Amino acid sequence: MATQYSISGTTAKGIAGSVERGVAEGALGPGAALPPVRRLADDLGVSPGTVATAYKELRRRGIVVTHGRGGTVVASAPAVASRRPPRVPEGLRDLAGGHPDPRLLPGMAPLSRLSPGARSHRSTPRLERLEQAVRDWLRPDGVPVERVTFAHGALDLIGRLLSVELGPGDAVAMEDPGYHHLLDLVTALGLRIVPVSVDEEGVRPEALRAALRTGVRALVCSPRAQNPYGGCFSAARRDALVEVLRDEPDVLVVENDHASVVADAPLRTLTSGGLPRWVHVRTVSKFLGTDLRWAAAACDPTTLARHDGRLLLTSGWVSHLLQETVYGLMTDDDTHALVTRARETYALRRGALLQELATRGIASHGASGMNLWVPVRDESAVVNGLRSYGWWVAAGARFRLASGPGVRISVAELEPADAARLASDFALVLGESEATYGG
């Protein structure tokens, strides 16, 4: 344990709370070792059973992990806080954030009026016209639209579903590398992550099959614009994954189509394959506004009932004012034109950097979406090297489970004219890294 922090408490709850405070305040960082049970019990004057109960609670909540004889340590992504990206140093071009270009977002949402009078929003939680707009949005892509629901963003919906469907210790198959906030969310729910490798076509069938053999209860994946790798399902890959999943009828398949209309790739959805348990999630933050915390989902009847039942007991419904705003934007002709331009622009910017890197012999991945994944041998050397040239990219450690190192570059605001300079600087940094670290 870090010597500058002393665990206190005379009850299991107090000891667990003391450890959690140390983690939240940064005094106990990821990987920090906690004292053995008997030693801490002697230090605090409590029974070993009291300390063991505290450690068990901390493990259940994803704050610590136990490695047998290796002892108990703070989790790599402790559930008291999500892994936040480092602050962008002043004067650098930020290519790490993964956000859309604000110039390609609607400048003004259509005016919406507040809900009139007092009425039971719980009895009518969804605006009928927005429900119909969502069905019209999903149906052309082959997603079954008989049952739809809303949530406060994809993470809100996925977190609610996993907490209803699974219990602490249950396993979830997750993309590797994958979206770091989802990885943190699963850990925070006390669930066990089973990494599933990805390639240019998304989740690899053989990796999924191996994960299913471990007894996973759910799969969370992206059909296109996979973050951070950029993969998208081909028709053949979608069919192969459906074939694997048909043998596991009790596994909940969560399909997160976060970029949807600006992904510059067709949707080949797993939900069209006749699977019994599934949900397709879409958000609008990448093309209507980063502060529009709203998501739509289509799902099977059991999943709908469980999600909406838990929603009813918590927030009750998604704000009708927010629903009105989303509906106004989704049905606005000027917004449609801007979304089309955004999709084309992101594809151009992504393609330009892919080509410039390839010209210099640098392999990268990004078949769709706003990000490129570039495998490297030493993430820190590359991130710090590019920083010296004025660029700020994301180290891959935040996204990886068992996969190899890399960096993620967000191209949303990278003009094609700048791609050549970035690629040249990248090549120089790789050369400097080889000279310093031997490759």
Protein backbone atom coordinates (compact mmCIF):
# COMPACT_ATOMS: atom_id res chain seq x y z
CA MET A 1 0.00 0.00 0.00
CA ALA A 2 1.12 3.54 -0.65
CA THR A 3 2.79 4.75 2.57
CA GLN A 4 1.23 8.23 2.38
CA TYR A 5 -2.28 6.89 2.92
CA SER A 6 -3.46 5.11 6.05
CA ILE A 7 -6.63 3.06 5.93
CA SER A 8 -8.95 3.71 8.87
CA GLY A 9 -12.20 2.31 10.25
CA THR A 10 -13.51 -0.07 12.86
CA THR A 11 -16.28 -1.66 10.81
CA ALA A 12 -16.31 -3.31 7.40
CA LYS A 13 -18.29 -0.37 6.01
CA GLY A 14 -15.87 2.15 7.49
CA ILE A 15 -12.79 0.34 6.20
CA ALA A 16 -14.28 0.02 2.71
CA GLY A 17 -15.23 3.71 2.77
CA SER A 18 -11.70 4.69 3.78
CA VAL A 19 -10.19 2.73 0.88
CA GLU A 20 -12.73 4.23 -1.53
CA ARG A 21 -11.85 7.76 -0.39
CA GLY A 22 -8.18 7.03 -0.94
CA VAL A 23 -8.88 5.83 -4.47
CA ALA A 24 -11.20 8.76 -5.29
CA GLU A 25 -8.65 11.31 -4.00
CA GLY A 26 -5.79 9.69 -5.92
CA ALA A 27 -3.81 8.64 -2.83
CA LEU A 28 -4.33 5.01 -3.84
CA GLY A 29 -3.69 4.75 -7.56
CA PRO A 30 -4.40 1.84 -9.92
CA GLY A 31 -2.30 -1.15 -8.93
CA ALA A 32 -1.62 0.10 -5.40
CA ALA A 33 -1.43 -2.86 -3.02
CA LEU A 34 -3.63 -3.05 0.06
CA PRO A 35 -2.27 -4.62 3.26
CA PRO A 36 -2.86 -8.32 3.86
CA VAL A 37 -6.07 -8.97 5.77
CA ARG A 38 -4.44 -10.02 9.04
CA ARG A 39 -1.93 -7.18 9.06
CA LEU A 40 -4.59 -4.52 8.51
CA ALA A 41 -6.79 -6.19 11.14
CA ASP A 42 -3.95 -5.95 13.67
CA ASP A 43 -3.26 -2.31 12.73
CA LEU A 44 -6.91 -1.32 13.15
CA GLY A 45 -7.67 -3.52 16.15
CA VAL A 46 -10.48 -5.40 14.42
CA SER A 47 -11.07 -9.04 13.52
CA PRO A 48 -9.68 -10.45 10.25
CA GLY A 49 -13.28 -11.24 9.29
CA THR A 50 -14.16 -7.54 9.40
CA VAL A 51 -11.33 -6.64 7.01
CA ALA A 52 -12.16 -9.61 4.76
CA THR A 53 -15.77 -8.39 4.55
CA ALA A 54 -14.58 -4.89 3.62
CA TYR A 55 -12.31 -6.25 0.88
CA LYS A 56 -15.12 -8.45 -0.43
CA GLU A 57 -17.40 -5.39 -0.74
CA LEU A 58 -14.67 -3.44 -2.53
CA ARG A 59 -14.18 -6.32 -4.97
CA ARG A 60 -17.92 -6.58 -5.61
CA ARG A 61 -18.03 -2.89 -6.55
CA GLY A 62 -15.02 -3.11 -8.87
CA ILE A 63 -12.74 -0.90 -6.76
CA VAL A 64 -10.13 -3.59 -6.01
CA VAL A 65 -9.15 -6.96 -7.45
CA THR A 66 -7.48 -9.93 -5.76
CA HIS A 67 -4.67 -11.86 -7.44
CA GLY A 68 -4.39 -14.87 -5.16
CA ARG A 69 -0.94 -14.84 -3.57
CA GLY A 70 -0.37 -11.51 -5.30
CA GLY A 71 -2.69 -9.90 -2.79
CA THR A 72 -5.42 -7.29 -3.19
CA VAL A 73 -4.72 -4.21 -5.32
CA VAL A 74 -6.66 -1.20 -6.60
CA ALA A 75 -8.30 -2.03 -9.94
CA SER A 76 -6.79 -0.64 -13.13
CA ALA A 77 -10.03 1.31 -13.69
CA PRO A 78 -11.54 1.60 -10.18
CA ALA A 79 -15.29 2.04 -10.17
CA VAL A 80 -15.24 5.22 -8.09
CA ALA A 81 -14.40 7.20 -11.22
CA SER A 82 -14.08 6.67 -14.96
CA ARG A 83 -10.65 6.91 -16.54
CA ARG A 84 -10.47 10.52 -17.61
CA PRO A 85 -8.23 11.58 -20.46
CA PRO A 86 -5.23 13.70 -19.53
CA ARG A 87 -5.58 17.46 -19.96
CA VAL A 88 -4.54 18.66 -23.41
CA PRO A 89 -1.33 20.70 -23.04
CA GLU A 90 -1.64 24.29 -24.16
CA GLY A 91 -0.77 24.98 -27.77
CA LEU A 92 -1.24 21.43 -29.12
CA ARG A 93 -3.64 20.22 -31.79
CA ASP A 94 -6.07 17.93 -29.96
CA LEU A 95 -6.54 14.70 -31.92
CA ALA A 96 -7.31 12.61 -28.83
CA GLY A 97 -10.80 13.59 -27.76
CA GLY A 98 -12.93 11.70 -30.28
CA HIS A 99 -15.47 14.51 -30.51
CA PRO A 100 -17.25 15.66 -33.70
CA ASP A 101 -16.26 18.87 -35.45
CA PRO A 102 -18.47 21.59 -33.88
CA ARG A 103 -18.70 23.28 -37.29
CA LEU A 104 -20.59 20.21 -38.52
CA LEU A 105 -23.23 20.30 -35.77
CA PRO A 106 -26.53 22.22 -35.98
CA GLY A 107 -26.07 25.73 -34.61
CA MET A 108 -29.56 26.16 -33.21
CA ALA A 109 -32.13 23.61 -32.13
CA PRO A 110 -35.74 24.27 -33.25
CA LEU A 111 -37.78 25.96 -30.57
CA SER A 112 -39.65 23.58 -28.26
CA ARG A 113 -42.32 24.44 -25.73
CA LEU A 114 -42.36 23.21 -22.18
CA SER A 115 -44.79 20.44 -21.26
CA PRO A 116 -48.21 22.05 -20.70
CA GLY A 117 -49.85 21.68 -17.31
CA ALA A 118 -49.58 18.70 -14.98
CA ARG A 119 -49.87 15.27 -16.53
CA SER A 120 -48.51 11.79 -15.99
CA HIS A 121 -45.40 11.48 -18.10
CA ARG A 122 -44.97 8.00 -16.64
CA SER A 123 -48.11 6.87 -18.43
CA THR A 124 -46.87 8.29 -21.77
CA PRO A 125 -43.07 8.34 -21.43
CA ARG A 126 -42.35 8.61 -25.16
CA LEU A 127 -43.64 11.11 -27.69
CA GLU A 128 -45.55 9.16 -30.30
CA ARG A 129 -44.22 11.22 -33.20
CA LEU A 130 -40.61 10.68 -32.07
CA GLU A 131 -41.26 6.95 -31.73
CA GLN A 132 -42.44 6.92 -35.33
CA ALA A 133 -39.44 8.98 -36.45
CA VAL A 134 -37.14 6.45 -34.76
CA ARG A 135 -38.88 3.56 -36.52
CA ASP A 136 -38.49 5.36 -39.84
CA TRP A 137 -34.79 5.89 -38.99
CA LEU A 138 -34.02 2.28 -38.08
CA ARG A 139 -36.26 0.31 -40.47
CA PRO A 140 -34.28 0.95 -43.71
CA ASP A 141 -31.18 -0.53 -42.04
CA GLY A 142 -32.92 -3.82 -41.31
CA VAL A 143 -33.39 -3.32 -37.56
CA PRO A 144 -36.70 -4.79 -36.30
CA VAL A 145 -38.74 -1.82 -35.07
CA GLU A 146 -41.79 -3.36 -33.41
CA ARG A 147 -40.55 -2.27 -29.98
CA VAL A 148 -38.54 0.89 -29.32
CA THR A 149 -37.60 2.81 -26.21
CA PHE A 150 -35.54 5.86 -25.18
CA ALA A 151 -32.78 6.53 -22.65
CA HIS A 152 -30.39 9.28 -21.53
CA GLY A 153 -27.61 8.17 -23.88
CA ALA A 154 -26.09 4.82 -24.78
CA LEU A 155 -24.12 4.40 -21.55
CA ASP A 156 -27.28 5.04 -19.53
CA LEU A 157 -29.21 2.40 -21.45
CA ILE A 158 -26.45 -0.20 -21.50
CA GLY A 159 -25.70 0.30 -17.82
CA ARG A 160 -29.37 -0.13 -16.93
CA LEU A 161 -29.72 -3.27 -19.01
CA LEU A 162 -26.59 -4.94 -17.66
CA SER A 163 -27.56 -4.14 -14.07
CA VAL A 164 -30.98 -5.73 -14.60
CA GLU A 165 -29.81 -8.75 -16.59
CA LEU A 166 -26.57 -9.63 -14.79
CA GLY A 167 -25.24 -9.86 -11.26
CA PRO A 168 -21.83 -9.15 -9.71
CA GLY A 169 -19.21 -11.51 -11.07
CA ASP A 170 -21.10 -12.34 -14.28
CA ALA A 171 -19.05 -12.08 -17.47
CA VAL A 172 -19.52 -9.68 -20.40
CA ALA A 173 -17.75 -10.05 -23.75
CA MET A 174 -16.23 -6.68 -24.71
CA GLU A 175 -14.34 -5.48 -27.78
CA ASP A 176 -10.55 -5.25 -27.39
CA PRO A 177 -9.45 -2.57 -27.97
CA GLY A 178 -12.76 -0.97 -27.06
CA TYR A 179 -14.51 2.17 -25.87
CA HIS A 180 -12.94 3.04 -22.51
CA HIS A 181 -16.10 4.45 -20.90
CA LEU A 182 -17.93 1.20 -21.61
CA LEU A 183 -15.04 -0.80 -20.17
CA ASP A 184 -15.16 1.33 -17.02
CA LEU A 185 -18.95 1.02 -16.79
CA VAL A 186 -18.85 -2.77 -16.87
CA THR A 187 -16.18 -2.80 -14.18
CA ALA A 188 -18.20 -0.37 -12.05
CA LEU A 189 -21.17 -2.73 -12.18
CA GLY A 190 -19.05 -5.45 -10.61
CA LEU A 191 -19.06 -7.52 -13.81
CA ARG A 192 -16.17 -9.47 -15.28
CA ILE A 193 -14.85 -8.47 -18.70
CA VAL A 194 -13.87 -11.12 -21.23
CA PRO A 195 -11.90 -9.42 -24.05
CA VAL A 196 -12.82 -10.19 -27.66
CA SER A 197 -10.35 -9.13 -30.34
CA VAL A 198 -11.43 -7.03 -33.33
CA ASP A 199 -10.17 -6.30 -36.83
CA GLU A 200 -11.25 -4.17 -39.79
CA GLU A 201 -14.55 -6.08 -39.89
CA GLY A 202 -15.28 -5.76 -36.19
CA VAL A 203 -15.57 -8.59 -33.65
CA ARG A 204 -13.68 -11.72 -34.73
CA PRO A 205 -15.93 -14.82 -34.72
CA GLU A 206 -13.30 -17.19 -33.34
CA ALA A 207 -12.58 -14.76 -30.48
CA LEU A 208 -16.29 -14.47 -29.73
CA ARG A 209 -16.69 -18.24 -29.74
CA ALA A 210 -13.84 -18.57 -27.24
CA ALA A 211 -15.40 -15.91 -25.02
CA LEU A 212 -18.78 -17.64 -25.08
CA ARG A 213 -17.14 -20.84 -23.89
CA THR A 214 -16.21 -19.03 -20.66
CA GLY A 215 -19.89 -18.47 -19.88
CA VAL A 216 -20.41 -14.81 -20.78
CA ARG A 217 -23.95 -13.53 -20.24
CA ALA A 218 -23.83 -10.57 -22.66
CA LEU A 219 -21.93 -9.20 -25.66
CA VAL A 220 -21.44 -5.47 -26.22
CA CYS A 221 -20.22 -4.56 -29.71
CA SER A 222 -20.27 -1.89 -32.42
CA PRO A 223 -21.44 -2.76 -35.95
CA ARG A 224 -19.59 0.20 -37.52
CA ALA A 225 -17.25 3.06 -36.53
CA GLN A 226 -15.89 0.79 -33.79
CA ASN A 227 -14.07 2.92 -31.23
CA PRO A 228 -11.07 3.03 -31.33
CA TYR A 229 -10.23 0.56 -34.14
CA GLY A 230 -12.72 1.85 -36.73
CA GLY A 231 -13.96 -1.56 -37.89
CA CYS A 232 -17.35 -2.19 -39.47
CA PHE A 233 -19.23 -5.45 -40.02
CA SER A 234 -19.17 -6.85 -43.53
CA ALA A 235 -22.15 -8.95 -44.58
CA ALA A 236 -20.05 -12.10 -44.25
CA ARG A 237 -18.80 -11.10 -40.79
CA ARG A 238 -22.31 -10.29 -39.59
CA ASP A 239 -23.55 -13.70 -40.79
CA ALA A 240 -20.64 -15.50 -39.12
CA LEU A 241 -21.28 -13.76 -35.80
CA VAL A 242 -24.99 -14.54 -35.94
CA GLU A 243 -24.14 -18.19 -36.56
CA VAL A 244 -21.95 -18.22 -33.44
CA LEU A 245 -24.58 -16.45 -31.32
CA ARG A 246 -27.42 -18.76 -32.39
CA ASP A 247 -25.86 -21.44 -30.20
CA GLU A 248 -26.18 -19.15 -27.15
CA PRO A 249 -29.87 -18.11 -26.94
CA ASP A 250 -29.55 -16.73 -23.40
CA VAL A 251 -26.78 -14.24 -24.24
CA LEU A 252 -27.96 -10.63 -24.49
CA VAL A 253 -26.49 -8.98 -27.61
CA VAL A 254 -26.04 -5.21 -27.19
CA GLU A 255 -25.29 -3.47 -30.50
CA ASN A 256 -24.01 0.09 -30.00
CA ASP A 257 -24.36 2.06 -33.25
CA HIS A 258 -23.01 5.27 -31.72
CA ALA A 259 -21.97 7.06 -34.93
CA SER A 260 -24.79 5.74 -37.17
CA VAL A 261 -25.47 8.27 -39.93
CA VAL A 262 -21.96 9.80 -39.92
CA ALA A 263 -20.11 6.45 -39.86
CA ASP A 264 -19.75 6.38 -43.68
CA ALA A 265 -20.47 2.63 -43.74
CA PRO A 266 -23.64 0.60 -44.22
CA LEU A 267 -25.20 -1.06 -41.18
CA ARG A 268 -25.05 -4.84 -41.15
CA THR A 269 -26.96 -5.47 -37.98
CA LEU A 270 -26.90 -8.59 -35.83
CA THR A 271 -30.51 -7.84 -34.88
CA SER A 272 -31.76 -9.00 -38.27
CA GLY A 273 -30.51 -12.52 -37.62
CA GLY A 274 -33.44 -13.78 -35.55
CA LEU A 275 -31.57 -13.80 -32.22
CA PRO A 276 -33.87 -14.11 -29.18
CA ARG A 277 -32.17 -11.51 -26.92
CA TRP A 278 -30.92 -8.31 -28.51
CA VAL A 279 -30.93 -4.52 -28.39
CA HIS A 280 -29.78 -2.00 -31.01
CA VAL A 281 -28.79 1.38 -29.53
CA ARG A 282 -28.34 4.69 -31.34
CA THR A 283 -27.37 8.10 -30.03
CA VAL A 284 -27.32 11.51 -31.71
CA SER A 285 -24.41 13.22 -29.97
CA LYS A 286 -22.00 12.68 -32.89
CA PHE A 287 -24.14 14.58 -35.38
CA LEU A 288 -26.87 16.61 -33.60
CA GLY A 289 -25.01 17.83 -30.52
CA THR A 290 -22.63 16.48 -27.90
CA ASP A 291 -24.91 17.72 -25.10
CA LEU A 292 -28.03 15.96 -26.40
CA ARG A 293 -27.99 13.07 -23.93
CA TRP A 294 -30.60 10.95 -25.68
CA ALA A 295 -30.58 7.47 -27.16
CA ALA A 296 -33.08 5.34 -29.02
CA ALA A 297 -33.17 1.57 -28.86
CA ALA A 298 -35.03 -1.24 -30.57
CA CYS A 299 -35.11 -4.55 -28.72
CA ASP A 300 -36.84 -7.85 -28.09
CA PRO A 301 -39.95 -7.83 -25.85
CA THR A 302 -38.19 -9.20 -22.75
CA THR A 303 -35.40 -6.64 -22.97
CA LEU A 304 -37.91 -3.82 -23.48
CA ALA A 305 -39.92 -4.83 -20.42
CA ARG A 306 -36.86 -5.10 -18.20
CA HIS A 307 -35.35 -1.81 -19.35
CA ASP A 308 -38.55 0.21 -19.11
CA GLY A 309 -39.45 -1.38 -15.79
CA ARG A 310 -36.18 -0.22 -14.24
CA LEU A 311 -36.43 3.20 -15.94
CA LEU A 312 -39.89 3.63 -14.42
CA LEU A 313 -38.43 3.10 -10.94
CA THR A 314 -35.58 5.60 -11.43
CA SER A 315 -35.85 8.68 -13.67
CA GLY A 316 -39.27 7.57 -14.91
CA TRP A 317 -38.96 8.91 -18.42
CA VAL A 318 -36.72 10.91 -20.74
CA SER A 319 -37.54 14.61 -20.64
CA HIS A 320 -40.28 15.45 -23.14
CA LEU A 321 -38.53 18.76 -23.77
CA LEU A 322 -35.44 16.84 -24.83
CA GLN A 323 -37.57 14.55 -26.97
CA GLU A 324 -39.17 17.58 -28.67
CA THR A 325 -35.71 19.00 -29.41
CA VAL A 326 -34.46 15.74 -30.90
CA TYR A 327 -37.61 15.37 -32.99
CA GLY A 328 -37.27 18.91 -34.31
CA LEU A 329 -33.69 18.29 -35.40
CA MET A 330 -34.35 14.84 -36.86
CA THR A 331 -37.11 16.21 -39.09
CA ASP A 332 -35.36 19.44 -40.12
CA ASP A 333 -34.24 19.63 -43.77
CA ASP A 334 -31.27 21.91 -43.06
CA THR A 335 -30.04 19.52 -40.39
CA HIS A 336 -30.33 16.60 -42.82
CA ALA A 337 -28.13 18.47 -45.29
CA LEU A 338 -25.57 19.26 -42.60
CA VAL A 339 -25.45 15.62 -41.46
CA THR A 340 -24.81 14.51 -45.04
CA ARG A 341 -21.95 17.00 -45.30
CA ALA A 342 -20.54 15.81 -41.97
CA ARG A 343 -20.53 12.18 -43.10
CA GLU A 344 -18.73 13.05 -46.32
CA THR A 345 -16.25 15.32 -44.55
CA TYR A 346 -15.28 12.77 -41.91
CA ALA A 347 -14.78 10.11 -44.59
CA LEU A 348 -12.52 12.47 -46.55
CA ARG A 349 -10.45 13.36 -43.49
CA ARG A 350 -10.11 9.75 -42.36
CA GLY A 351 -9.15 8.59 -45.84
CA ALA A 352 -6.57 11.35 -46.23
CA LEU A 353 -4.70 10.37 -43.06
CA LEU A 354 -4.91 6.64 -43.84
CA GLN A 355 -3.33 7.31 -47.24
CA GLU A 356 -0.61 9.61 -45.89
CA LEU A 357 0.37 7.12 -43.20
CA ALA A 358 0.38 4.24 -45.70
CA THR A 359 2.59 6.23 -48.08
CA ARG A 360 5.17 6.40 -45.26
CA GLY A 361 4.89 2.69 -44.48
CA ILE A 362 2.85 3.16 -41.30
CA ALA A 363 0.03 0.65 -40.85
CA SER A 364 -3.20 2.03 -39.44
CA HIS A 365 -6.82 0.96 -39.09
CA GLY A 366 -9.97 2.99 -39.66
CA ALA A 367 -12.54 1.53 -42.06
CA SER A 368 -15.31 3.80 -40.73
CA GLY A 369 -16.01 6.51 -38.19
CA MET A 370 -13.90 9.36 -36.84
CA ASN A 371 -10.89 7.51 -35.40
CA LEU A 372 -7.74 5.75 -36.58
CA TRP A 373 -5.91 3.12 -34.56
CA VAL A 374 -2.17 2.99 -35.20
CA PRO A 375 -0.28 0.03 -33.68
CA VAL A 376 3.03 1.09 -32.10
CA ARG A 377 5.62 -0.59 -29.88
CA ASP A 378 5.87 2.14 -27.25
CA GLU A 379 2.78 4.27 -26.67
CA SER A 380 4.47 6.75 -24.35
CA ALA A 381 7.34 7.36 -26.76
CA VAL A 382 4.93 8.07 -29.61
CA VAL A 383 2.55 10.26 -27.60
CA ASN A 384 5.40 12.32 -26.15
CA GLY A 385 7.20 12.43 -29.47
CA LEU A 386 4.16 13.77 -31.31
CA ARG A 387 3.64 16.25 -28.50
CA SER A 388 7.03 17.76 -29.30
CA TYR A 389 5.75 18.37 -32.85
CA GLY A 390 2.54 20.02 -31.66
CA TRP A 391 0.12 17.06 -31.82
CA TRP A 392 -1.84 15.46 -28.98
CA VAL A 393 -3.06 11.89 -29.56
CA ALA A 394 -4.56 9.32 -27.20
CA ALA A 395 -2.40 6.57 -25.75
CA GLY A 396 -4.02 3.20 -26.36
CA ALA A 397 -3.75 1.98 -22.76
CA ARG A 398 -7.17 3.47 -21.95
CA PHE A 399 -8.79 1.30 -24.62
CA ARG A 400 -6.88 -1.99 -24.33
CA LEU A 401 -7.47 -5.17 -22.36
CA ALA A 402 -5.26 -7.89 -23.83
CA SER A 403 -4.53 -6.40 -27.26
CA GLY A 404 -1.22 -4.88 -28.31
CA PRO A 405 -0.22 -1.22 -27.82
CA GLY A 406 -1.30 1.57 -30.14
CA VAL A 407 -2.48 5.15 -30.28
CA ARG A 408 -5.86 6.54 -31.29
CA ILE A 409 -6.05 9.56 -33.58
CA SER A 410 -9.35 11.41 -33.92
CA VAL A 411 -9.68 12.90 -37.39
CA ALA A 412 -12.93 14.84 -36.94
CA GLU A 413 -11.15 18.22 -37.07
CA LEU A 414 -8.06 17.21 -39.06
CA GLU A 415 -8.19 18.86 -42.46
CA PRO A 416 -6.74 16.82 -45.35
CA ALA A 417 -4.11 19.52 -45.85
CA ASP A 418 -2.77 18.77 -42.34
CA ALA A 419 -2.73 14.98 -42.78
CA ALA A 420 0.58 14.97 -44.67
CA ARG A 421 2.33 16.99 -41.95
CA LEU A 422 0.97 14.74 -39.19
CA ALA A 423 2.02 11.60 -41.07
CA SER A 424 5.51 12.99 -41.67
CA ASP A 425 5.87 13.89 -38.00
CA PHE A 426 4.61 10.44 -37.06
CA ALA A 427 7.28 8.81 -39.22
CA LEU A 428 9.96 10.97 -37.62
CA VAL A 429 8.74 10.03 -34.14
CA LEU A 430 8.80 6.32 -34.99
CA GLY A 431 12.38 6.71 -36.21
CA GLU A 432 13.37 8.52 -33.04
CA SER A 433 11.65 5.81 -30.98
CA GLU A 434 13.60 3.06 -32.74
CA ALA A 435 16.86 4.87 -32.15
CA THR A 436 16.06 5.38 -28.45
CA TYR A 437 14.17 2.24 -27.51
CA GLY A 438 15.27 -0.24 -30.17
CA GLY A 439 11.94 -0.23 -32.02
